Amino acid sequence: MARAELRFYLNGEPVHVAGDEAFLTLSEYLRQRRGMTGTKIVCSEGDCGACSVILGRPAGGTIRYESINSCIHFLHQLDATHVVTVEGLSRNGALHPVQQAMVACHGSQCGFCTPGFVTTMASLFEQDEGRRTQRLTEEELRDALSGNLCRCTGYVQIVEAACSIDPASAPRMGELYPDKAMAAQLAEWSRDEVRVEGRDVEGNELLAYLPRTWEAAAAFKAESPETLVVAGATDLGVQRNKGRIAPRRILGLANIDGDDEVRIEDGVLTIGARATWTAVERAIRTILPDYHRILLRFGGPQIRSAGTVGGNLVNASPIADSLPFHFVTETELELVGTGGTRRVPIADFYLGYRKTALRPDELLRRIVARLPRGNEVLRLYKVSKRKNLDISTFTAAILVRLDGARIAEARVALGGVGPVVLRLPRTEAFLHGREIDEETMREAGRLARGEITPITDVRGRAEYRARLAENIFVKFYHDVAAEHAHAAV
């Protein structure tokens, strides 16, 4: 029988939630139902980081902690987890070293953003054992704090505060909250099927179903076409907060066993659809440096710790940062439904603007991509109005297989220039067999303009996008030439 309530830990204490509370965001629950107002709400979009908390998930007999945005994370996503808020960092009346450093370095002025900065910085000491002996560098901090905004203090004092912390003095969550027994309890809870019912303020019935298997998930989806599938909810949470959707029937994937890992074997990258972008980022750091570089601009760390690869692909946005990479690597998507599984090439998965080949009973389970080989060169590009935390205006992936100085094969995918991400077959055919030089790439750019249909919107005019598509080939040439010149030195 399915469990009729959510179970998780909040600052080390077990919490059971049922009814309408299960459909609140975490920040709403903390502030409105628990009176824990240290967690702030500002943008309700996951951009400012004022709502940041630390989320722990069971992993291999222990608990792994990461910072997330509580304003776009629903309670029904928290089953079998441990939530630590800014209040939970102070134990027995003593400030956490991060809190002490913010005071000592004058890292807080109005203080509204401070709890989010504190929880985000505290989570950094959870990521790597090596940081127990090495202070955080400014570069690490600027990347880590890219999801937190401050409007009055400025970042100098905040960065100084974080750099001043002796890692040996910063307790890990497992020291603040001994995690052996807690991890065992979370693992036990995660093996339950959960079905929580409630009503909204207008009296409408609400249902959140958290199955244990893909088969059960597919059966539920087949029976309920209006079901909203929730994995990371980094987009759905925004839509709900802005009044665009009012989800009543939810299929949550958080408790499904497996398919949340990233594997690299025999030149193949396999990503479980439930894997977060943080998991991908860790796995491909050295083997796919260009993809890793793009992922560092894929929202802030709080977004990447919650958002899933499957959710990003199924969302079917033509400006999704990950899609050009998967198009040029000719990724295959494994779909699961009531009739079993099937594989679909990614180029056949997108049927139109935000339309996919998913059948009513199907879910995306796994993503399989072939990694570039030794004689293949891959470059990924993203153009946006600001560097971090911004929606793309234009994206591109160019992969060429070289035979000496000639291009034996080329694959090009552009995003933001049509209703779906586009491969450019005429441009690819032109590049085949040609030498990789600047004039070749300039002509390829001119051809590319004729294969795209950009539009004008708030992020850029059609002409601007067309010019980007043309010029990206020249940039590719100079990037590759510069790398070869550096290697020859």
Protein backbone atom coordinates (compact mmCIF):
# COMPACT_ATOMS: atom_id res chain seq x y z
CA MET A 1 0.00 0.00 0.00
CA ALA A 2 1.28 3.44 -0.89
CA ARG A 3 2.32 5.74 1.92
CA ALA A 4 -0.12 8.68 2.26
CA GLU A 5 2.34 11.26 3.59
CA LEU A 6 5.74 12.73 2.81
CA ARG A 7 8.58 11.99 5.19
CA PHE A 8 11.81 13.92 5.42
CA TYR A 9 14.13 15.55 7.95
CA LEU A 10 14.25 19.29 8.64
CA ASN A 11 17.34 20.44 10.51
CA GLY A 12 17.77 16.95 11.92
CA GLU A 13 14.16 16.45 13.02
CA PRO A 14 11.77 14.03 11.25
CA VAL A 15 8.81 15.70 9.54
CA HIS A 16 5.63 14.10 8.20
CA VAL A 17 3.55 16.12 5.74
CA ALA A 18 0.16 15.28 4.22
CA GLY A 19 -2.71 17.11 2.56
CA ASP A 20 -2.41 20.50 0.91
CA GLU A 21 0.99 21.25 2.48
CA ALA A 22 2.58 18.66 0.18
CA PHE A 23 1.87 20.95 -2.79
CA LEU A 24 3.54 24.07 -1.37
CA THR A 25 7.01 25.14 -2.38
CA LEU A 26 9.63 24.55 0.29
CA SER A 27 10.08 28.27 0.91
CA GLU A 28 6.32 28.70 1.41
CA TYR A 29 6.24 25.79 3.84
CA LEU A 30 9.21 27.05 5.84
CA ARG A 31 7.94 30.61 6.17
CA GLN A 32 4.16 30.16 6.33
CA ARG A 33 3.76 26.83 8.09
CA ARG A 34 6.91 26.61 10.22
CA GLY A 35 7.68 30.26 10.96
CA MET A 36 11.26 29.80 9.73
CA THR A 37 11.70 33.19 8.10
CA GLY A 38 15.48 33.04 7.71
CA THR A 39 14.80 31.65 4.25
CA LYS A 40 13.81 34.61 2.07
CA ILE A 41 11.62 34.89 -1.02
CA VAL A 42 12.47 37.53 -3.60
CA CYS A 43 12.35 36.58 -7.27
CA SER A 44 10.41 33.27 -7.00
CA GLU A 45 12.33 32.15 -10.10
CA GLY A 46 15.51 30.63 -8.68
CA ASP A 47 17.69 33.50 -9.91
CA CYS A 48 18.56 35.50 -6.79
CA GLY A 49 19.46 32.72 -4.33
CA ALA A 50 17.91 34.43 -1.28
CA CYS A 51 15.84 31.29 -0.73
CA SER A 52 18.82 28.90 -0.82
CA VAL A 53 18.83 25.93 1.54
CA ILE A 54 20.98 22.81 1.74
CA LEU A 55 19.39 19.58 0.57
CA GLY A 56 20.74 16.18 1.56
CA ARG A 57 19.97 13.02 -0.40
CA PRO A 58 20.92 9.47 0.70
CA ALA A 59 23.90 8.10 -1.24
CA GLY A 60 25.82 4.94 -0.49
CA GLY A 61 25.13 4.78 3.24
CA THR A 62 25.70 8.48 3.81
CA ILE A 63 24.00 11.75 2.81
CA ARG A 64 25.22 14.03 0.05
CA TYR A 65 24.42 17.72 0.49
CA GLU A 66 24.03 20.45 -2.13
CA SER A 67 22.50 23.92 -2.24
CA ILE A 68 19.12 24.35 -3.98
CA ASN A 69 16.54 27.11 -4.46
CA SER A 70 13.63 26.46 -2.11
CA CYS A 71 11.30 28.87 -3.94
CA ILE A 72 10.95 26.52 -6.93
CA HIS A 73 11.28 23.20 -5.11
CA PHE A 74 8.00 21.57 -4.10
CA LEU A 75 7.53 19.64 -0.87
CA HIS A 76 6.47 16.54 -2.80
CA GLN A 77 10.02 16.49 -4.22
CA LEU A 78 11.52 16.25 -0.73
CA ASP A 79 10.43 12.77 0.30
CA ALA A 80 13.36 10.86 1.85
CA THR A 81 15.69 13.89 2.03
CA HIS A 82 17.23 16.11 4.73
CA VAL A 83 16.69 19.87 4.50
CA VAL A 84 19.06 22.21 6.35
CA THR A 85 18.08 25.88 6.56
CA VAL A 86 20.13 28.85 7.74
CA GLU A 87 18.63 28.34 11.21
CA GLY A 88 20.00 24.81 11.21
CA LEU A 89 23.62 25.91 10.74
CA SER A 90 23.77 27.46 14.22
CA ARG A 91 24.08 24.68 16.78
CA ASN A 92 23.85 25.13 20.57
CA GLY A 93 23.86 28.90 20.19
CA ALA A 94 27.17 28.99 18.27
CA LEU A 95 27.39 30.60 14.86
CA HIS A 96 28.61 28.54 11.94
CA PRO A 97 32.10 29.64 10.75
CA VAL A 98 30.52 31.01 7.55
CA GLN A 99 28.17 33.17 9.61
CA GLN A 100 31.05 34.37 11.79
CA ALA A 101 33.10 35.26 8.73
CA MET A 102 30.25 37.28 7.21
CA VAL A 103 30.04 39.29 10.43
CA ALA A 104 33.79 39.79 10.75
CA CYS A 105 34.26 40.85 7.11
CA HIS A 106 31.13 43.06 6.96
CA GLY A 107 29.62 40.80 4.29
CA SER A 108 26.07 41.82 5.16
CA GLN A 109 24.35 45.20 4.94
CA CYS A 110 20.56 45.04 4.65
CA GLY A 111 20.86 41.30 5.30
CA PHE A 112 18.08 40.11 3.03
CA CYS A 113 20.37 38.11 0.76
CA THR A 114 22.68 36.98 3.57
CA PRO A 115 20.98 33.68 4.58
CA GLY A 116 21.18 32.49 0.96
CA PHE A 117 24.87 33.36 0.75
CA VAL A 118 25.53 31.63 4.06
CA THR A 119 23.83 28.36 3.13
CA THR A 120 25.45 28.33 -0.32
CA MET A 121 28.92 28.90 1.14
CA ALA A 122 28.37 26.31 3.86
CA SER A 123 27.44 23.76 1.20
CA LEU A 124 30.81 24.28 -0.51
CA PHE A 125 32.55 22.43 2.30
CA GLU A 126 30.47 19.36 1.43
CA GLN A 127 31.66 18.96 -2.13
CA ASP A 128 35.27 17.83 -1.93
CA GLU A 129 37.34 16.34 0.88
CA GLY A 130 40.40 18.17 -0.46
CA ARG A 131 38.88 21.48 0.61
CA ARG A 132 39.29 20.47 4.25
CA THR A 133 42.93 21.56 4.01
CA GLN A 134 42.78 24.23 1.30
CA ARG A 135 41.00 27.54 1.53
CA LEU A 136 38.45 28.32 -1.13
CA THR A 137 39.88 30.32 -4.03
CA GLU A 138 38.26 33.46 -5.39
CA GLU A 139 37.63 31.75 -8.74
CA GLU A 140 35.86 28.85 -7.05
CA LEU A 141 33.78 31.24 -5.01
CA ARG A 142 32.73 33.39 -7.92
CA ASP A 143 31.53 30.29 -9.76
CA ALA A 144 29.83 28.90 -6.65
CA LEU A 145 28.09 32.19 -5.82
CA SER A 146 26.91 32.89 -9.36
CA GLY A 147 23.40 31.92 -8.24
CA ASN A 148 23.31 34.42 -5.36
CA LEU A 149 22.67 38.14 -5.83
CA CYS A 150 23.45 41.02 -3.46
CA ARG A 151 22.24 44.54 -4.23
CA CYS A 152 23.84 46.63 -1.48
CA THR A 153 27.00 45.15 0.07
CA GLY A 154 28.81 44.20 -3.10
CA TYR A 155 30.73 41.00 -3.51
CA VAL A 156 34.19 42.04 -2.28
CA GLN A 157 33.39 41.64 1.41
CA ILE A 158 31.38 38.47 0.77
CA VAL A 159 34.24 36.87 -1.16
CA GLU A 160 36.69 38.02 1.52
CA ALA A 161 34.51 36.39 4.16
CA ALA A 162 34.49 33.06 2.34
CA CYS A 163 38.23 33.19 1.60
CA SER A 164 38.96 33.85 5.27
CA ILE A 165 37.39 30.62 6.46
CA ASP A 166 39.76 27.88 7.61
CA PRO A 167 38.27 24.71 6.11
CA ALA A 168 39.29 22.76 9.20
CA SER A 169 36.94 24.94 11.26
CA ALA A 170 33.93 24.42 8.97
CA PRO A 171 31.90 21.45 10.18
CA ARG A 172 30.39 19.19 7.59
CA MET A 173 26.68 18.47 7.74
CA GLY A 174 27.51 14.96 8.92
CA GLU A 175 29.19 16.50 11.97
CA LEU A 176 26.32 18.87 12.71
CA TYR A 177 23.80 16.09 12.12
CA PRO A 178 25.34 12.61 12.55
CA ASP A 179 24.14 10.95 9.39
CA LYS A 180 24.54 7.20 9.80
CA ALA A 181 21.12 6.56 11.37
CA MET A 182 19.51 9.35 9.35
CA ALA A 183 20.88 7.96 6.07
CA ALA A 184 19.51 4.52 6.91
CA GLN A 185 16.08 5.99 7.63
CA LEU A 186 16.08 8.04 4.43
CA ALA A 187 17.08 4.98 2.41
CA GLU A 188 14.21 3.06 3.97
CA TRP A 189 11.70 5.81 3.22
CA SER A 190 12.94 6.07 -0.38
CA ARG A 191 11.83 2.48 -0.97
CA ASP A 192 8.18 3.44 -0.40
CA GLU A 193 5.60 4.26 -3.00
CA VAL A 194 3.93 7.53 -2.00
CA ARG A 195 0.47 8.86 -2.84
CA VAL A 196 -0.51 12.15 -1.19
CA GLU A 197 -3.90 13.76 -1.67
CA GLY A 198 -5.14 17.24 -0.79
CA ARG A 199 -7.30 20.15 -1.92
CA ASP A 200 -6.41 23.63 -3.08
CA VAL A 201 -8.03 26.83 -1.78
CA GLU A 202 -10.83 26.48 -4.33
CA GLY A 203 -11.59 22.93 -3.24
CA ASN A 204 -10.07 21.19 -6.27
CA GLU A 205 -8.63 17.73 -5.65
CA LEU A 206 -4.84 17.46 -5.64
CA LEU A 207 -2.77 14.30 -6.04
CA ALA A 208 0.98 13.71 -5.95
CA TYR A 209 2.07 10.19 -6.86
CA LEU A 210 5.69 9.08 -6.32
CA PRO A 211 6.13 5.58 -7.81
CA ARG A 212 9.08 3.27 -7.25
CA THR A 213 9.43 2.00 -10.84
CA TRP A 214 9.32 3.37 -14.36
CA GLU A 215 6.64 0.84 -15.20
CA ALA A 216 4.34 2.17 -12.48
CA ALA A 217 5.09 5.73 -13.59
CA ALA A 218 4.21 4.93 -17.20
CA ALA A 219 0.97 3.22 -16.16
CA PHE A 220 -0.06 6.25 -14.09
CA LYS A 221 0.77 8.62 -16.95
CA ALA A 222 -1.28 6.50 -19.37
CA GLU A 223 -4.30 6.64 -17.05
CA SER A 224 -3.98 10.39 -16.42
CA PRO A 225 -3.19 12.35 -19.60
CA GLU A 226 -3.42 15.62 -17.64
CA THR A 227 -0.64 14.52 -15.28
CA LEU A 228 2.27 16.93 -14.84
CA VAL A 229 5.56 15.03 -14.67
CA VAL A 230 7.95 16.54 -12.11
CA ALA A 231 11.66 15.80 -11.83
CA GLY A 232 13.72 18.89 -10.91
CA ALA A 233 10.87 21.42 -11.41
CA THR A 234 13.33 24.26 -12.06
CA ASP A 235 11.07 25.43 -14.91
CA LEU A 236 7.72 24.18 -13.63
CA GLY A 237 8.30 25.87 -10.27
CA VAL A 238 8.73 29.23 -12.00
CA GLN A 239 5.60 28.73 -14.09
CA ARG A 240 3.58 27.85 -10.99
CA ASN A 241 4.89 30.84 -9.02
CA LYS A 242 4.06 33.20 -11.88
CA GLY A 243 0.51 31.86 -12.16
CA ARG A 244 0.95 30.20 -15.56
CA ILE A 245 0.09 26.71 -14.33
CA ALA A 246 -1.79 25.29 -11.33
CA PRO A 247 -0.73 21.64 -11.13
CA ARG A 248 -3.36 19.37 -9.61
CA ARG A 249 -2.21 15.90 -10.63
CA ILE A 250 1.50 15.27 -10.27
CA LEU A 251 3.73 12.35 -11.19
CA GLY A 252 6.95 12.77 -9.21
CA LEU A 253 10.03 10.84 -10.33
CA ALA A 254 12.15 11.43 -7.21
CA ASN A 255 11.67 7.97 -5.65
CA ILE A 256 12.26 5.85 -8.75
CA ASP A 257 15.21 3.57 -8.13
CA GLY A 258 18.14 4.14 -10.51
CA ASP A 259 18.61 6.23 -13.65
CA ASP A 260 20.06 9.14 -11.70
CA GLU A 261 23.69 8.35 -12.53
CA VAL A 262 26.17 9.38 -15.21
CA ARG A 263 28.43 6.70 -16.73
CA ILE A 264 31.28 6.88 -19.24
CA GLU A 265 32.22 3.50 -20.72
CA ASP A 266 33.88 2.54 -24.01
CA GLY A 267 33.53 6.01 -25.45
CA VAL A 268 29.83 6.27 -24.62
CA LEU A 269 28.26 8.78 -22.25
CA THR A 270 25.10 7.41 -20.60
CA ILE A 271 23.02 9.80 -18.51
CA GLY A 272 20.04 8.71 -16.46
CA ALA A 273 17.11 11.03 -17.12
CA ARG A 274 16.87 11.72 -13.37
CA ALA A 275 20.53 12.76 -13.13
CA THR A 276 21.07 16.37 -12.10
CA TRP A 277 23.27 18.76 -14.04
CA THR A 278 25.63 18.82 -11.08
CA ALA A 279 26.15 15.06 -11.50
CA VAL A 280 26.86 15.56 -15.22
CA GLU A 281 29.19 18.45 -14.48
CA ARG A 282 31.28 16.29 -12.13
CA ALA A 283 31.42 13.34 -14.50
CA ILE A 284 32.52 15.17 -17.67
CA ARG A 285 34.83 17.79 -16.15
CA THR A 286 38.01 16.44 -17.79
CA ILE A 287 36.69 14.25 -20.60
CA LEU A 288 34.39 16.90 -22.15
CA PRO A 289 35.87 20.26 -21.13
CA ASP A 290 33.79 22.29 -23.61
CA TYR A 291 30.56 20.75 -22.38
CA HIS A 292 31.69 21.36 -18.79
CA ARG A 293 32.36 25.02 -19.61
CA ILE A 294 28.86 25.42 -21.02
CA LEU A 295 27.30 23.71 -17.99
CA LEU A 296 28.96 26.22 -15.64
CA ARG A 297 26.71 28.82 -17.30
CA PHE A 298 23.66 26.58 -17.11
CA GLY A 299 21.90 28.47 -14.33
CA GLY A 300 23.47 28.84 -10.90
CA PRO A 301 24.72 25.92 -8.79
CA GLN A 302 21.35 25.73 -7.01
CA ILE A 303 19.61 25.22 -10.37
CA ARG A 304 22.12 22.59 -11.50
CA SER A 305 21.77 20.70 -8.21
CA ALA A 306 18.01 20.31 -8.74
CA GLY A 307 17.41 20.43 -12.49
CA THR A 308 17.58 17.12 -14.35
CA VAL A 309 18.87 16.26 -17.79
CA GLY A 310 15.64 14.49 -18.69
CA GLY A 311 13.52 17.47 -17.71
CA ASN A 312 15.67 19.79 -19.80
CA LEU A 313 15.40 17.62 -22.91
CA VAL A 314 11.68 16.89 -22.58
CA ASN A 315 10.96 20.59 -22.06
CA ALA A 316 11.83 20.87 -25.77
CA SER A 317 13.03 24.45 -25.77
CA PRO A 318 14.92 25.41 -28.96
CA ILE A 319 17.35 27.41 -26.80
CA ALA A 320 18.14 24.65 -24.28
CA ASP A 321 21.88 24.90 -23.68
CA SER A 322 22.45 21.14 -23.75
CA LEU A 323 20.71 20.29 -27.01
CA PRO A 324 23.32 21.28 -29.66
CA PHE A 325 25.86 18.95 -28.00
CA HIS A 326 23.42 16.06 -28.10
CA PHE A 327 22.50 16.76 -31.72
CA VAL A 328 26.09 16.65 -33.02
CA THR A 329 26.90 13.55 -30.97
CA GLU A 330 23.76 11.97 -32.48
CA THR A 331 22.42 11.05 -29.07
CA GLU A 332 19.74 8.44 -28.68
CA LEU A 333 16.93 8.76 -26.15
CA GLU A 334 15.57 5.69 -24.38
CA LEU A 335 11.84 6.02 -23.77
CA VAL A 336 9.83 3.78 -21.45
CA GLY A 337 6.09 3.20 -21.67
CA THR A 338 3.45 0.62 -20.85
CA GLY A 339 4.56 -1.44 -23.86
CA GLY A 340 8.25 -1.49 -22.92
CA THR A 341 11.19 0.64 -24.07
CA ARG A 342 12.30 2.07 -27.39
CA ARG A 343 15.18 4.22 -28.60
CA VAL A 344 14.66 7.36 -30.65
CA PRO A 345 17.43 9.41 -32.32
CA ILE A 346 17.36 12.88 -30.83
CA ALA A 347 16.83 14.45 -34.26
CA ASP A 348 13.55 12.53 -34.53
CA PHE A 349 12.43 13.35 -31.00
CA TYR A 350 11.50 16.99 -31.60
CA LEU A 351 8.48 17.43 -33.86
CA GLY A 352 8.01 21.18 -33.53
CA TYR A 353 8.14 24.01 -31.04
CA ARG A 354 7.93 22.30 -27.61
CA LYS A 355 6.51 19.17 -29.25
CA THR A 356 8.13 15.76 -28.83
CA ALA A 357 7.63 12.21 -30.03
CA LEU A 358 6.68 11.04 -26.53
CA ARG A 359 3.52 8.96 -26.53
CA PRO A 360 0.87 9.62 -23.85
CA ASP A 361 2.21 6.78 -21.68
CA GLU A 362 5.93 7.39 -22.25
CA LEU A 363 8.70 8.92 -20.18
CA LEU A 364 12.33 9.66 -20.98
CA ARG A 365 14.49 7.21 -19.05
CA ARG A 366 18.04 7.40 -20.41
CA ILE A 367 20.24 9.51 -22.71
CA VAL A 368 23.05 7.81 -24.67
CA ALA A 369 25.70 9.85 -26.52
CA ARG A 370 28.89 8.80 -28.31
CA LEU A 371 31.87 10.80 -27.10
CA PRO A 372 34.12 12.59 -29.63
CA ARG A 373 37.12 10.47 -30.66
CA GLY A 374 40.77 11.46 -30.92
CA ASN A 375 40.54 12.85 -34.46
CA GLU A 376 37.33 14.76 -33.77
CA VAL A 377 37.15 18.37 -32.64
CA LEU A 378 34.11 19.64 -30.70
CA ARG A 379 33.29 23.21 -29.78
CA LEU A 380 30.17 24.48 -28.01
CA TYR A 381 28.96 28.07 -27.87
CA LYS A 382 26.36 30.08 -26.00
CA VAL A 383 25.48 33.74 -26.54
CA SER A 384 23.35 35.52 -23.95
CA LYS A 385 22.87 39.06 -22.66
CA ARG A 386 24.87 38.32 -19.51
CA LYS A 387 27.39 35.60 -18.73
CA ASN A 388 25.67 33.75 -15.90
CA LEU A 389 22.07 32.84 -15.14
CA ASP A 390 20.67 33.95 -18.45
CA ILE A 391 18.54 32.32 -21.11
CA SER A 392 20.41 31.79 -24.36
CA THR A 393 19.92 34.02 -27.36
CA PHE A 394 21.87 31.62 -29.56
CA THR A 395 23.60 28.26 -29.09
CA ALA A 396 25.83 26.21 -31.35
CA ALA A 397 27.77 22.97 -31.54
CA ILE A 398 30.32 22.20 -34.25
CA LEU A 399 31.99 18.80 -34.45
CA VAL A 400 34.45 17.93 -37.23
CA ARG A 401 36.37 14.72 -37.87
CA LEU A 402 39.74 15.52 -39.34
CA ASP A 403 41.85 13.59 -41.82
CA GLY A 404 45.05 15.56 -41.66
CA ALA A 405 44.17 19.14 -42.58
CA ARG A 406 40.94 18.12 -44.27
CA ILE A 407 37.46 17.72 -42.84
CA ALA A 408 36.35 14.11 -43.26
CA GLU A 409 32.98 14.77 -41.62
CA ALA A 410 31.18 17.75 -40.09
CA ARG A 411 28.16 18.02 -37.86
CA VAL A 412 26.63 21.39 -37.01
CA ALA A 413 23.69 22.13 -34.71
CA LEU A 414 22.31 25.59 -33.93
CA GLY A 415 19.77 26.64 -31.30
CA GLY A 416 17.71 29.81 -31.11
CA VAL A 417 17.41 30.04 -34.90
CA GLY A 418 14.19 28.07 -35.46
CA PRO A 419 11.32 26.32 -33.69
CA VAL A 420 13.65 23.43 -32.81
CA VAL A 421 17.41 22.96 -32.66
CA LEU A 422 18.57 22.54 -36.27
CA ARG A 423 21.20 20.38 -37.93
CA LEU A 424 22.53 22.07 -41.09
CA PRO A 425 22.86 19.35 -43.77
CA ARG A 426 23.85 21.65 -46.65
CA THR A 427 26.54 23.33 -44.60
CA GLU A 428 27.81 19.97 -43.38
CA ALA A 429 27.97 18.65 -46.95
CA PHE A 430 29.90 21.74 -48.07
CA LEU A 431 32.53 21.21 -45.35
CA HIS A 432 33.10 17.56 -46.25
CA GLY A 433 36.53 17.05 -47.80
CA ARG A 434 37.64 20.68 -47.53
CA GLU A 435 40.67 22.02 -45.75
CA ILE A 436 39.96 23.66 -42.42
CA ASP A 437 40.96 27.26 -43.12
CA GLU A 438 39.38 30.65 -42.55
CA GLU A 439 37.93 31.10 -46.05
CA THR A 440 36.27 27.69 -45.89
CA MET A 441 34.65 28.54 -42.57
CA ARG A 442 33.53 31.96 -43.81
CA GLU A 443 31.77 30.34 -46.76
CA ALA A 444 30.24 27.74 -44.43
CA GLY A 445 28.86 30.59 -42.34
CA ARG A 446 27.27 32.19 -45.39
CA LEU A 447 25.63 28.88 -46.27
CA ALA A 448 24.41 28.42 -42.72
CA ARG A 449 22.44 31.67 -42.90
CA GLY A 450 20.33 30.16 -45.64
CA GLU A 451 19.43 27.08 -43.57
CA ILE A 452 17.95 28.84 -40.55
CA THR A 453 14.73 30.72 -39.75
CA PRO A 454 15.43 32.96 -36.75
CA ILE A 455 12.79 35.22 -35.24
CA THR A 456 12.94 38.54 -33.44
CA ASP A 457 12.11 38.51 -29.72
CA VAL A 458 13.18 40.21 -26.49
CA ARG A 459 16.57 38.49 -26.56
CA GLY A 460 17.61 39.50 -30.06
CA ARG A 461 16.56 40.42 -33.57
CA ALA A 462 16.40 37.87 -36.37
CA GLU A 463 19.23 39.61 -38.20
CA TYR A 464 21.42 39.46 -35.08
CA ARG A 465 20.86 35.72 -34.75
CA ALA A 466 21.57 35.19 -38.43
CA ARG A 467 24.84 37.09 -38.09
CA LEU A 468 25.77 35.00 -35.06
CA ALA A 469 25.14 31.83 -37.05
CA GLU A 470 27.41 33.08 -39.84
CA ASN A 471 30.20 34.30 -37.60
CA ILE A 472 30.32 31.27 -35.32
CA PHE A 473 32.15 29.31 -38.01
CA VAL A 474 34.96 31.85 -38.13
CA LYS A 475 35.18 31.78 -34.35
CA PHE A 476 35.38 27.99 -34.50
CA TYR A 477 38.27 28.22 -36.96
CA HIS A 478 40.24 30.67 -34.80
CA ASP A 479 39.57 28.66 -31.63
CA VAL A 480 40.87 25.48 -33.25
CA ALA A 481 43.82 27.25 -34.89
CA ALA A 482 44.82 28.87 -31.60
CA GLU A 483 44.68 25.53 -29.82
CA HIS A 484 46.85 23.84 -32.44
CA ALA A 485 49.34 26.71 -32.32
CA HIS A 486 49.52 26.43 -28.54
CA ALA A 487 50.03 22.66 -28.74
CA ALA A 488 52.89 23.10 -31.21
CA VAL A 489 54.82 25.42 -28.86
